[in-house]
Amino acid sequence: MNEISWKDFEQVELRVGTITEVKDFPEARKPAYKLEIDFGKEIGFKKSSAQITEHYKKEDLIGRQIIAVINFPSKQIGPFMSECLVTGLPDSEGRVVLISPDQKVENGSKLY
């Protein structure tokens, strides 16, 4: 494991957002959804591709808060431009489990 400084960590913008739209992403190499996420007035909406189809149905994701890195450069994934990285952890079979606050917080709130 490489250690980083506190200053390095402060540069990572881990923010809370609410998923507002979920679409299938049939062009993705691995099963994924296209997400639109509301990060509040200051940041606005960002899009992301997320490989979360194993544990989550599209309709269950709408309105769910997640934590994402919002200051990575955008990344082209097939025909889709992903603008943030939704965070998750692998379960025992390697399927992604989303990271989210256990209580509702304001969209755009920064993780400290």
Protein backbone atom coordinates (compact mmCIF):
# COMPACT_ATOMS: atom_id res chain seq x y z
CA MET A 1 0.00 0.00 0.00
CA ASN A 2 1.29 3.44 -0.93
CA GLU A 3 0.79 6.12 1.68
CA ILE A 4 -0.47 9.52 0.62
CA SER A 5 -0.38 12.79 2.48
CA TRP A 6 -3.40 14.51 3.97
CA LYS A 7 -2.91 17.20 1.33
CA ASP A 8 -3.22 14.54 -1.41
CA PHE A 9 -6.44 13.21 0.14
CA GLU A 10 -7.94 16.69 0.33
CA GLN A 11 -7.63 16.95 -3.45
CA VAL A 12 -10.00 14.00 -4.00
CA GLU A 13 -13.55 15.31 -4.36
CA LEU A 14 -15.69 12.53 -2.88
CA ARG A 15 -19.21 13.94 -3.00
CA VAL A 16 -22.74 12.72 -2.30
CA GLY A 17 -25.21 12.70 -5.17
CA THR A 18 -28.69 11.36 -5.86
CA ILE A 19 -29.30 9.10 -8.84
CA THR A 20 -32.00 10.70 -11.00
CA GLU A 21 -31.89 8.55 -14.15
CA VAL A 22 -30.79 4.98 -14.96
CA LYS A 23 -30.50 3.51 -18.45
CA ASP A 24 -29.24 0.21 -19.78
CA PHE A 25 -25.78 0.30 -21.36
CA PRO A 26 -25.82 -2.56 -23.90
CA GLU A 27 -22.60 -1.35 -25.59
CA ALA A 28 -20.53 -1.84 -22.40
CA ARG A 29 -18.14 -4.81 -22.35
CA LYS A 30 -19.37 -5.83 -18.89
CA PRO A 31 -23.02 -5.38 -17.81
CA ALA A 32 -23.47 -1.77 -16.67
CA TYR A 33 -25.94 1.07 -16.31
CA LYS A 34 -25.67 4.68 -17.46
CA LEU A 35 -26.46 6.90 -14.50
CA GLU A 36 -27.33 10.58 -14.20
CA ILE A 37 -26.53 11.91 -10.74
CA ASP A 38 -27.54 15.18 -9.08
CA PHE A 39 -24.69 16.68 -7.03
CA GLY A 40 -26.60 19.82 -6.02
CA LYS A 41 -26.64 23.43 -7.19
CA GLU A 42 -22.88 24.09 -7.01
CA ILE A 43 -21.82 21.02 -9.02
CA GLY A 44 -24.93 20.10 -10.98
CA PHE A 45 -25.59 16.83 -12.79
CA LYS A 46 -22.91 14.34 -13.86
CA LYS A 47 -23.09 11.08 -15.77
CA SER A 48 -21.40 7.82 -14.90
CA SER A 49 -21.20 4.25 -16.12
CA ALA A 50 -21.47 1.75 -13.27
CA GLN A 51 -21.14 -2.04 -13.24
CA ILE A 52 -23.82 -2.52 -10.60
CA THR A 53 -26.39 -4.61 -12.48
CA GLU A 54 -25.92 -7.73 -10.34
CA HIS A 55 -27.25 -6.24 -7.08
CA TYR A 56 -29.42 -3.34 -8.28
CA LYS A 57 -32.50 -2.97 -10.49
CA LYS A 58 -32.86 0.29 -12.41
CA GLU A 59 -36.06 1.27 -10.62
CA ASP A 60 -34.48 0.72 -7.19
CA LEU A 61 -31.61 3.10 -7.95
CA ILE A 62 -33.74 6.18 -8.67
CA GLY A 63 -33.56 8.50 -5.64
CA ARG A 64 -30.69 6.59 -4.04
CA GLN A 65 -27.77 8.60 -2.72
CA ILE A 66 -24.28 7.46 -3.59
CA ILE A 67 -20.71 8.67 -3.10
CA ALA A 68 -18.63 9.45 -6.17
CA VAL A 69 -15.29 10.96 -7.10
CA ILE A 70 -16.22 14.00 -9.16
CA ASN A 71 -12.82 15.47 -10.05
CA PHE A 72 -11.30 12.73 -12.18
CA PRO A 73 -11.03 13.59 -15.88
CA SER A 74 -14.00 12.40 -17.95
CA LYS A 75 -13.50 8.95 -19.45
CA GLN A 76 -14.85 7.65 -22.75
CA ILE A 77 -16.49 4.24 -22.27
CA GLY A 78 -17.65 3.06 -25.69
CA PRO A 79 -20.10 5.66 -26.98
CA PHE A 80 -20.62 7.13 -23.47
CA MET A 81 -18.63 9.81 -21.61
CA SER A 82 -18.41 9.03 -17.91
CA GLU A 83 -17.93 12.21 -15.83
CA CYS A 84 -17.52 10.77 -12.32
CA LEU A 85 -16.61 7.52 -10.56
CA VAL A 86 -19.34 5.95 -8.43
CA THR A 87 -17.75 4.15 -5.48
CA GLY A 88 -18.42 0.59 -4.39
CA LEU A 89 -16.87 -2.44 -2.76
CA PRO A 90 -16.77 -6.03 -4.02
CA ASP A 91 -18.87 -8.65 -2.27
CA SER A 92 -17.51 -12.19 -1.78
CA GLU A 93 -18.14 -12.94 -5.47
CA GLY A 94 -16.65 -9.69 -6.79
CA ARG A 95 -20.01 -8.00 -7.51
CA VAL A 96 -20.13 -4.28 -6.73
CA VAL A 97 -21.97 -3.05 -3.61
CA LEU A 98 -22.52 0.73 -3.65
CA ILE A 99 -21.12 3.06 -1.02
CA SER A 100 -23.79 5.42 0.29
CA PRO A 101 -24.61 7.45 3.40
CA ASP A 102 -26.85 5.70 5.91
CA GLN A 103 -28.90 8.90 6.32
CA LYS A 104 -30.01 11.44 3.74
CA VAL A 105 -27.58 14.35 3.36
CA GLU A 106 -27.46 17.36 1.07
CA ASN A 107 -26.39 16.59 -2.51
CA GLY A 108 -22.86 17.81 -3.11
CA SER A 109 -21.73 17.25 0.50
CA LYS A 110 -18.03 16.40 0.61
CA LEU A 111 -16.68 13.35 2.37
CA TYR A 112 -14.06 14.30 4.97
